[in-house]
Protein backbone atom coordinates (compact mmCIF):
# COMPACT_ATOMS: atom_id res chain seq x y z
CA UNK A 1 93.75 188.77 -39.39
CA UNK A 2 92.09 185.54 -39.75
CA UNK A 3 93.62 183.63 -42.79
CA UNK A 4 91.47 181.04 -44.46
CA UNK A 5 92.42 178.17 -47.07
CA UNK A 6 89.85 175.54 -48.12
CA UNK A 7 90.82 173.07 -49.89
CA UNK A 8 87.47 171.65 -51.96
CA UNK A 9 87.23 168.35 -54.03
CA UNK A 10 83.44 167.69 -54.73
CA UNK A 11 82.39 164.55 -56.68
CA UNK A 12 80.41 165.97 -59.60
CA UNK A 13 78.58 163.34 -61.78
CA UNK A 14 76.77 165.00 -65.02
CA UNK A 15 74.01 163.95 -66.78
CA UNK A 16 71.36 165.39 -69.78
CA UNK A 17 69.28 167.06 -67.20
CA UNK A 18 72.19 168.89 -65.10
CA UNK A 19 74.28 167.61 -61.72
CA UNK A 20 73.05 165.20 -59.34
CA UNK A 21 73.07 166.05 -55.74
CA UNK A 22 74.92 163.57 -54.03
CA UNK A 23 74.48 164.97 -50.81
CA UNK A 24 76.21 166.79 -48.04
CA UNK A 25 80.05 166.85 -47.91
CA UNK A 26 82.94 167.98 -45.25
CA UNK A 27 85.16 170.93 -46.17
CA UNK A 28 88.10 171.99 -44.25
CA UNK A 29 88.71 175.16 -43.63
CA UNK A 30 91.61 176.68 -41.83
CA UNK A 31 91.77 179.42 -39.39
CA UNK A 32 94.84 180.65 -38.20
CA UNK A 33 96.75 177.68 -39.17
CA UNK A 34 93.51 175.51 -36.98
CA UNK A 35 91.92 173.14 -39.37
CA UNK A 36 87.85 172.81 -38.64
CA UNK A 37 85.40 170.62 -41.02
CA UNK A 38 82.38 172.37 -41.71
CA UNK A 39 79.39 170.07 -43.77
CA UNK A 40 78.39 171.42 -47.17
CA UNK A 41 75.38 171.00 -49.21
CA UNK A 42 75.17 170.15 -53.17
CA UNK A 43 72.41 171.34 -54.99
CA UNK A 44 71.68 170.40 -58.70
CA UNK A 45 72.21 172.40 -61.12
CA UNK A 46 68.17 173.27 -61.79
CA UNK A 47 68.44 173.81 -57.88
CA UNK A 48 71.02 176.65 -58.24
CA UNK A 49 69.30 178.53 -61.91
CA UNK A 50 65.94 178.51 -60.05
CA UNK A 51 66.94 180.42 -56.84
CA UNK A 52 69.22 183.05 -59.58
CA UNK A 53 66.36 183.43 -61.68
CA UNK A 54 63.88 184.31 -57.84
CA UNK A 55 66.64 186.50 -56.83
CA UNK A 56 67.42 188.02 -60.09
CA UNK A 57 63.68 188.63 -60.45
CA UNK A 58 63.46 190.50 -57.16
CA UNK A 59 66.26 192.34 -57.74
CA UNK A 60 64.75 193.61 -60.67
CA UNK A 61 61.53 194.32 -59.58
CA UNK A 62 63.25 196.31 -56.49
CA UNK A 63 65.05 198.44 -58.76
CA UNK A 64 62.34 199.38 -60.67
CA UNK A 65 60.27 199.93 -57.57
CA UNK A 66 57.22 197.46 -57.72
CA UNK A 67 58.77 195.30 -54.90
CA UNK A 68 58.66 196.83 -51.15
CA UNK A 69 62.03 195.75 -49.04
CA UNK A 70 59.41 193.86 -47.39
CA UNK A 71 58.14 192.08 -50.03
CA UNK A 72 61.81 190.82 -50.75
CA UNK A 73 62.54 189.69 -47.34
CA UNK A 74 59.35 187.71 -47.28
CA UNK A 75 59.76 186.23 -50.78
CA UNK A 76 55.51 185.93 -50.75
CA UNK A 77 55.15 183.69 -53.83
CA UNK A 78 52.74 185.12 -56.80
CA UNK A 79 51.77 181.41 -58.03
CA UNK A 80 50.62 178.28 -56.46
CA UNK A 81 53.28 176.46 -54.79
CA UNK A 82 53.33 172.46 -54.00
CA UNK A 83 56.32 172.63 -51.65
CA UNK A 84 57.53 174.83 -49.21
CA UNK A 85 60.72 173.29 -48.10
CA UNK A 86 61.94 176.30 -45.30
CA UNK A 87 58.50 175.79 -43.84
CA UNK A 88 58.60 171.98 -44.31
CA UNK A 89 55.07 172.01 -46.02
CA UNK A 90 53.41 170.68 -48.98
CA UNK A 91 50.21 171.15 -50.87
CA UNK A 92 47.68 167.80 -50.39
CA UNK A 93 43.96 167.00 -51.43
CA UNK A 94 43.89 166.88 -54.93
CA UNK A 95 46.02 170.00 -54.98
CA UNK A 96 43.98 172.29 -52.23
CA UNK A 97 44.74 171.00 -48.58
CA UNK A 98 48.00 171.46 -46.65
CA UNK A 99 50.17 169.65 -44.68
CA UNK A 100 53.00 170.65 -42.38
CA UNK A 101 55.44 168.50 -40.37
CA UNK A 102 56.71 170.36 -36.94
CA UNK A 103 58.94 169.55 -34.05
CA UNK A 104 57.44 169.82 -30.52
CA UNK A 105 59.77 172.81 -29.17
CA UNK A 106 61.20 172.90 -25.37
CA UNK A 107 59.53 176.40 -25.56
CA UNK A 108 55.55 175.33 -26.21
CA UNK A 109 55.40 172.86 -23.35
CA UNK A 110 54.52 173.10 -20.12
CA UNK A 111 55.99 171.66 -16.72
CA UNK A 112 54.55 168.15 -17.64
CA UNK A 113 56.87 168.01 -21.14
CA UNK A 114 53.74 168.18 -23.08
CA UNK A 115 52.40 170.79 -25.50
CA UNK A 116 50.37 173.44 -24.12
CA UNK A 117 46.62 174.55 -25.24
CA UNK A 118 48.00 177.94 -26.50
CA UNK A 119 50.76 176.00 -28.36
CA UNK A 120 48.94 173.82 -30.28
CA UNK A 121 46.53 176.92 -31.09
CA UNK A 122 49.36 178.66 -32.62
CA UNK A 123 50.63 175.80 -34.57
CA UNK A 124 46.50 176.15 -36.08
CA UNK A 125 47.59 180.16 -36.70
CA UNK A 126 50.78 179.30 -38.59
CA UNK A 127 49.89 176.36 -40.25
CA UNK A 128 46.45 178.37 -41.73
CA UNK A 129 48.86 181.38 -43.12
CA UNK A 130 51.33 179.26 -44.31
CA UNK A 131 48.53 177.23 -46.40
CA UNK A 132 47.62 180.64 -47.94
CA UNK A 133 50.90 181.35 -48.24
CA UNK A 134 51.40 178.48 -50.46
CA UNK A 135 48.60 179.47 -52.59
CA UNK A 136 49.67 182.20 -54.07
CA UNK A 137 46.83 184.80 -52.52
CA UNK A 138 48.63 185.86 -50.09
CA UNK A 139 48.81 189.72 -49.79
CA UNK A 140 51.06 191.59 -46.92
CA UNK A 141 48.08 191.40 -44.88
CA UNK A 142 47.54 188.60 -41.80
CA UNK A 143 46.41 186.09 -44.36
CA UNK A 144 44.63 188.55 -46.19
CA UNK A 145 44.31 187.34 -50.12
CA UNK A 146 45.20 190.26 -52.93
CA UNK A 147 40.88 190.90 -53.21
CA UNK A 148 40.41 191.27 -49.13
CA UNK A 149 43.26 194.18 -49.29
CA UNK A 150 41.76 196.08 -52.35
CA UNK A 151 38.20 195.98 -50.10
CA UNK A 152 40.26 196.73 -46.99
CA UNK A 153 38.93 193.53 -45.34
CA UNK A 154 40.72 191.21 -42.67
CA UNK A 155 39.52 187.86 -41.47
CA UNK A 156 38.40 187.90 -37.94
CA UNK A 157 37.33 184.15 -36.26
CA UNK A 158 33.83 184.16 -34.66
CA UNK A 159 33.89 180.21 -33.56
CA UNK A 160 36.27 177.37 -32.86
CA UNK A 161 35.74 174.13 -31.97
CA UNK A 162 38.73 171.84 -30.33
CA UNK A 163 39.04 168.21 -29.31
CA UNK A 164 42.42 166.96 -27.96
CA UNK A 165 42.76 163.30 -27.77
CA UNK A 166 46.61 163.85 -26.80
CA UNK A 167 48.79 166.02 -26.41
CA UNK A 168 52.05 166.07 -28.22
CA UNK A 169 55.41 165.68 -25.98
CA UNK A 170 58.68 167.79 -26.26
CA UNK A 171 60.21 166.65 -29.41
CA UNK A 172 57.84 164.45 -31.25
CA UNK A 173 57.51 164.79 -35.02
CA UNK A 174 54.00 166.00 -35.70
CA UNK A 175 52.24 166.41 -39.00
CA UNK A 176 49.12 169.21 -39.06
CA UNK A 177 46.99 169.49 -41.89
CA UNK A 178 44.71 171.91 -42.39
CA UNK A 179 41.74 173.12 -45.29
CA UNK A 180 39.27 175.22 -46.28
CA UNK A 181 35.21 174.79 -46.93
CA UNK A 182 32.41 177.37 -47.20
CA UNK A 183 30.32 178.46 -44.19
CA UNK A 184 27.02 179.95 -45.45
CA UNK A 185 27.08 182.70 -48.20
CA UNK A 186 29.75 185.56 -46.22
CA UNK A 187 31.82 182.60 -44.18
CA UNK A 188 34.64 180.35 -44.25
CA UNK A 189 35.31 177.15 -42.53
CA UNK A 190 39.03 175.93 -41.85
CA UNK A 191 39.57 172.57 -40.04
CA UNK A 192 42.57 170.95 -38.81
CA UNK A 193 44.15 167.70 -37.57
CA UNK A 194 47.37 166.88 -35.92
CA UNK A 195 48.62 163.44 -35.73
CA UNK A 196 51.65 161.71 -34.75
CA UNK A 197 54.69 160.91 -37.41
CA UNK A 198 55.78 158.29 -35.87
CA UNK A 199 52.64 156.41 -35.24
CA UNK A 200 49.62 157.60 -37.01
CA UNK A 201 47.69 158.33 -34.53
CA UNK A 202 45.61 161.40 -34.50
CA UNK A 203 45.95 163.49 -31.49
CA UNK A 204 43.59 166.80 -31.88
CA UNK A 205 40.90 168.01 -34.18
CA UNK A 206 39.66 171.14 -34.67
CA UNK A 207 37.42 173.79 -36.94
CA UNK A 208 36.50 177.23 -37.04
CA UNK A 209 34.44 179.56 -38.65
CA UNK A 210 35.68 182.78 -40.07
CA UNK A 211 34.13 186.19 -41.26
CA UNK A 212 35.77 189.24 -42.77
CA UNK A 213 35.44 192.65 -41.24
CA UNK A 214 36.52 196.03 -43.06
CA UNK A 215 39.76 197.14 -41.37
CA UNK A 216 38.58 200.43 -41.36
CA UNK A 217 35.56 200.70 -39.98
CA UNK A 218 35.57 197.74 -37.71
CA UNK A 219 32.58 196.35 -38.87
CA UNK A 220 31.24 192.58 -40.33
CA UNK A 221 31.36 192.72 -44.17
CA UNK A 222 29.71 190.46 -46.73
CA UNK A 223 32.29 188.72 -49.35
CA UNK A 224 32.70 190.53 -52.23
CA UNK A 225 32.57 188.10 -55.26
CA UNK A 226 36.13 188.44 -56.60
CA UNK A 227 37.71 187.31 -52.96
CA UNK A 228 34.62 184.18 -53.64
CA UNK A 229 36.42 183.98 -56.52
CA UNK A 230 39.47 183.53 -55.45
CA UNK A 231 38.90 181.28 -52.20
CA UNK A 232 36.09 179.11 -53.42
CA UNK A 233 38.72 176.93 -55.63
CA UNK A 234 39.86 175.78 -52.29
CA UNK A 235 36.78 174.69 -50.67
CA UNK A 236 36.07 171.11 -49.34
CA UNK A 237 33.85 169.46 -47.72
CA UNK A 238 35.38 167.29 -45.60
CA UNK A 239 34.86 168.05 -41.66
CA UNK A 240 37.63 167.13 -38.96
CA UNK A 241 34.50 167.86 -36.50
CA UNK A 242 30.93 166.56 -37.55
CA UNK A 243 28.79 169.17 -35.61
CA UNK A 244 25.13 168.31 -36.24
CA UNK A 245 23.90 170.95 -33.82
CA UNK A 246 26.66 172.90 -32.21
CA UNK A 247 26.57 173.63 -28.63
CA UNK A 248 25.27 176.80 -27.72
CA UNK A 249 26.81 178.53 -24.49
CA UNK A 250 24.90 180.36 -21.71
CA UNK A 251 25.55 183.47 -20.97
CA UNK A 252 27.45 184.03 -17.30
CA UNK A 253 26.47 186.68 -15.03
CA UNK A 254 28.18 188.50 -12.22
CA UNK A 255 27.04 185.61 -9.78
CA UNK A 256 29.96 183.48 -11.64
CA UNK A 257 31.77 181.16 -8.63
CA UNK A 258 35.17 182.48 -9.91
CA UNK A 259 36.06 186.22 -10.97
CA UNK A 260 38.88 187.57 -12.38
CA UNK A 261 38.95 191.13 -12.70
CA UNK A 262 41.71 193.91 -13.97
CA UNK A 263 42.95 192.41 -16.90
CA UNK A 264 44.81 194.43 -18.78
CA UNK A 265 45.90 193.91 -22.59
CA UNK A 266 49.72 194.48 -23.50
CA UNK A 267 51.29 195.29 -26.40
CA UNK A 268 52.71 191.79 -26.93
CA UNK A 269 49.02 190.85 -27.26
CA UNK A 270 48.19 192.81 -30.44
CA UNK A 271 48.12 190.96 -33.73
CA UNK A 272 49.25 192.28 -37.43
CA UNK A 273 45.22 193.32 -37.24
CA UNK A 274 45.70 195.30 -34.23
CA UNK A 275 43.60 193.72 -31.92
CA UNK A 276 44.56 191.66 -29.27
CA UNK A 277 45.07 187.84 -30.75
CA UNK A 278 42.29 185.00 -29.89
CA UNK A 279 45.10 182.95 -28.32
CA UNK A 280 45.70 185.67 -25.45
CA UNK A 281 41.46 185.19 -24.91
CA UNK A 282 42.23 181.13 -24.20
CA UNK A 283 45.34 182.13 -21.52
CA UNK A 284 42.66 184.58 -19.80
CA UNK A 285 40.31 181.34 -19.91
CA UNK A 286 42.23 179.05 -18.34
CA UNK A 287 43.53 180.93 -15.37
CA UNK A 288 40.17 181.05 -13.33
CA UNK A 289 39.92 177.12 -13.37
CA UNK A 290 41.40 175.96 -9.79
CA UNK A 291 44.60 174.84 -9.51
CA UNK A 292 44.06 171.34 -8.11
CA UNK A 293 42.53 170.43 -11.47
CA UNK A 294 44.78 171.93 -13.75
CA UNK A 295 47.39 169.99 -11.65
CA UNK A 296 45.55 166.89 -12.09
CA UNK A 297 43.53 167.37 -15.52
CA UNK A 298 43.81 168.16 -18.93
CA UNK A 299 41.66 169.42 -21.29
CA UNK A 300 39.60 167.62 -23.64
CA UNK A 301 37.69 170.22 -25.47
CA UNK A 302 36.63 173.76 -26.01
CA UNK A 303 34.59 175.49 -27.22
CA UNK A 304 35.06 179.16 -28.53
CA UNK A 305 32.09 181.84 -29.50
CA UNK A 306 33.71 185.23 -30.49
CA UNK A 307 31.48 188.48 -29.89
CA UNK A 308 33.42 191.18 -30.71
CA UNK A 309 37.32 192.74 -30.33
CA UNK A 310 39.28 193.81 -27.56
CA UNK A 311 41.98 196.64 -27.97
CA UNK A 312 44.89 197.40 -26.24
CA UNK A 313 43.33 199.99 -23.69
CA UNK A 314 39.94 197.46 -22.31
CA UNK A 315 39.82 196.63 -19.62
CA UNK A 316 38.70 192.61 -19.51
CA UNK A 317 36.99 190.31 -16.88
CA UNK A 318 37.17 186.79 -16.81
CA UNK A 319 34.28 185.02 -15.20
CA UNK A 320 33.63 180.81 -14.58
CA UNK A 321 31.25 178.52 -13.18
CA UNK A 322 31.79 175.03 -13.27
CA UNK A 323 28.99 172.57 -14.08
CA UNK A 324 26.82 171.58 -11.28
CA UNK A 325 24.73 169.02 -12.63
CA UNK A 326 27.47 166.20 -13.80
CA UNK A 327 25.46 165.90 -17.10
CA UNK A 328 27.62 166.24 -20.33
CA UNK A 329 27.00 166.63 -24.20
CA UNK A 330 27.38 162.70 -24.57
CA UNK A 331 24.38 162.22 -21.83
CA UNK A 332 26.79 160.33 -19.66
CA UNK A 333 26.06 160.93 -15.95
CA UNK A 334 29.17 162.15 -13.90
CA UNK A 335 28.05 159.51 -10.98
CA UNK A 336 27.97 156.47 -13.68
CA UNK A 337 31.28 158.00 -14.78
CA UNK A 338 32.60 157.81 -11.01
CA UNK A 339 31.32 153.75 -10.46
CA UNK A 340 32.35 152.88 -13.52
CA UNK A 341 34.19 149.43 -13.22
CA UNK A 342 37.94 149.86 -15.03
CA UNK A 343 39.90 147.33 -16.62
CA UNK A 344 42.62 148.38 -15.30
CA UNK A 345 42.95 148.73 -11.43
CA UNK A 346 45.31 150.30 -9.65
CA UNK A 347 47.12 148.36 -6.28
CA UNK A 348 47.50 150.62 -3.32
CA UNK A 349 49.46 150.61 -0.79
CA UNK A 350 47.24 148.85 2.12
CA UNK A 351 46.58 146.30 -0.65
CA UNK A 352 43.26 147.32 -1.87
CA UNK A 353 42.08 147.54 -5.16
CA UNK A 354 40.61 151.19 -6.27
CA UNK A 355 39.22 151.96 -9.40
CA UNK A 356 40.75 154.65 -11.60
CA UNK A 357 39.88 158.17 -11.32
CA UNK A 358 37.37 158.57 -14.02
CA UNK A 359 35.98 162.04 -12.71
CA UNK A 360 35.73 164.95 -15.28
CA UNK A 361 35.07 168.47 -15.19
CA UNK A 362 33.03 170.98 -17.11
CA UNK A 363 33.31 174.86 -17.26
CA UNK A 364 31.15 177.68 -18.33
CA UNK A 365 33.39 180.61 -19.33
CA UNK A 366 32.83 184.19 -20.02
CA UNK A 367 35.53 187.40 -21.18
CA UNK A 368 33.69 190.73 -21.70
CA UNK A 369 35.29 194.12 -21.39
CA UNK A 370 35.01 195.86 -18.04
CA UNK A 371 32.94 199.42 -18.64
CA UNK A 372 31.06 202.29 -16.70
CA UNK A 373 27.75 200.60 -14.13
CA UNK A 374 27.15 197.31 -16.06
CA UNK A 375 27.73 198.65 -19.55
CA UNK A 376 29.83 195.37 -20.40
CA UNK A 377 30.74 194.03 -23.73
CA UNK A 378 31.11 190.52 -24.40
CA UNK A 379 34.55 189.56 -26.02
CA UNK A 380 34.00 185.62 -25.98
CA UNK A 381 32.45 182.83 -24.91
CA UNK A 382 33.39 179.27 -24.04
CA UNK A 383 33.00 176.00 -22.75
CA UNK A 384 35.77 173.88 -21.61
CA UNK A 385 36.11 169.99 -20.27
CA UNK A 386 38.74 168.01 -18.79
CA UNK A 387 39.86 164.76 -18.13
CA UNK A 388 42.15 162.78 -15.67
CA UNK A 389 45.61 162.89 -17.02
CA UNK A 390 47.33 159.68 -18.46
CA UNK A 391 50.65 158.90 -17.95
CA UNK A 392 51.20 156.96 -20.47
CA UNK A 393 51.55 157.74 -24.30
CA UNK A 394 49.46 155.57 -26.65
């Protein structure tokens, strides 16, 4: 059996406010005669008292059966929090916005060591939930407030627009800001900005619209006044993307150039609302993009219009149609882009100078539930734009 000895000598210094945190210290542990050093953290007396009070409160509630085991493990705040050291988040924008610091993990990047589009969308979802978490409004649902839970309501996204200027790289530290605003009488807008912590350069921006659905009937619902009273104090007017006239997406038919049929949701694709998560939809869309485009280009923008939810038993078909006219939303013809004289030129092996390939691509997408004899139901329409990959980060 292992024997332990722990000689600890920590130089605490007392003040009128309690103990000062003097940083990390190393403690020697002897295990079966061998010595190993381990760092420990010193906390202020106020921090220790706060943890004890929080734990005591949870235990007391648990003994009184007012708090479930799930709530004890989650430690969902019942009041507004300004800082969350576990999630590296804090409240900004005069007390209503949220910022989270994130390190890009190895499983969030692709072969080129840059974050994938799915990773960005997952980070958007996570920071949105953490924002509600810190507000003190979160119930035990998927981002649902207490008022929403009392009315059997859940959030569903109806539209999303994402613009990507640069993709974060593996190991990079980024900051994600998110905030909410009003969208009509019964909707809510949520926006995001991703920037490099090292340079301050904005990498991506996104805006989305959310509406409420009755969890039991699966029908859209008006926003109850008690829910409006909960979330409206958090609304601000700032927008990540200004859309004077939102882009409309045409519906594709069976004449689309690229079709991927027989897609079947798996159990792991379902979220806490028991429908296929919207990030999965994007994955199905991108699988129809030609491989040569995926290798040489990266997605610069995507617009999604959600029509209905998708369940675990549905059969899904992904349709994709490339642009043929070469005209983009900014009014610049593709032929002009191809003929632009680029300041930076590439010297080829034969000694000839050639301009940098400026060719861009655009695609229209449709995901639909494949039904019996033309009874197909739309899940989501999409528009993607792709630009040449850059090998040098700004």
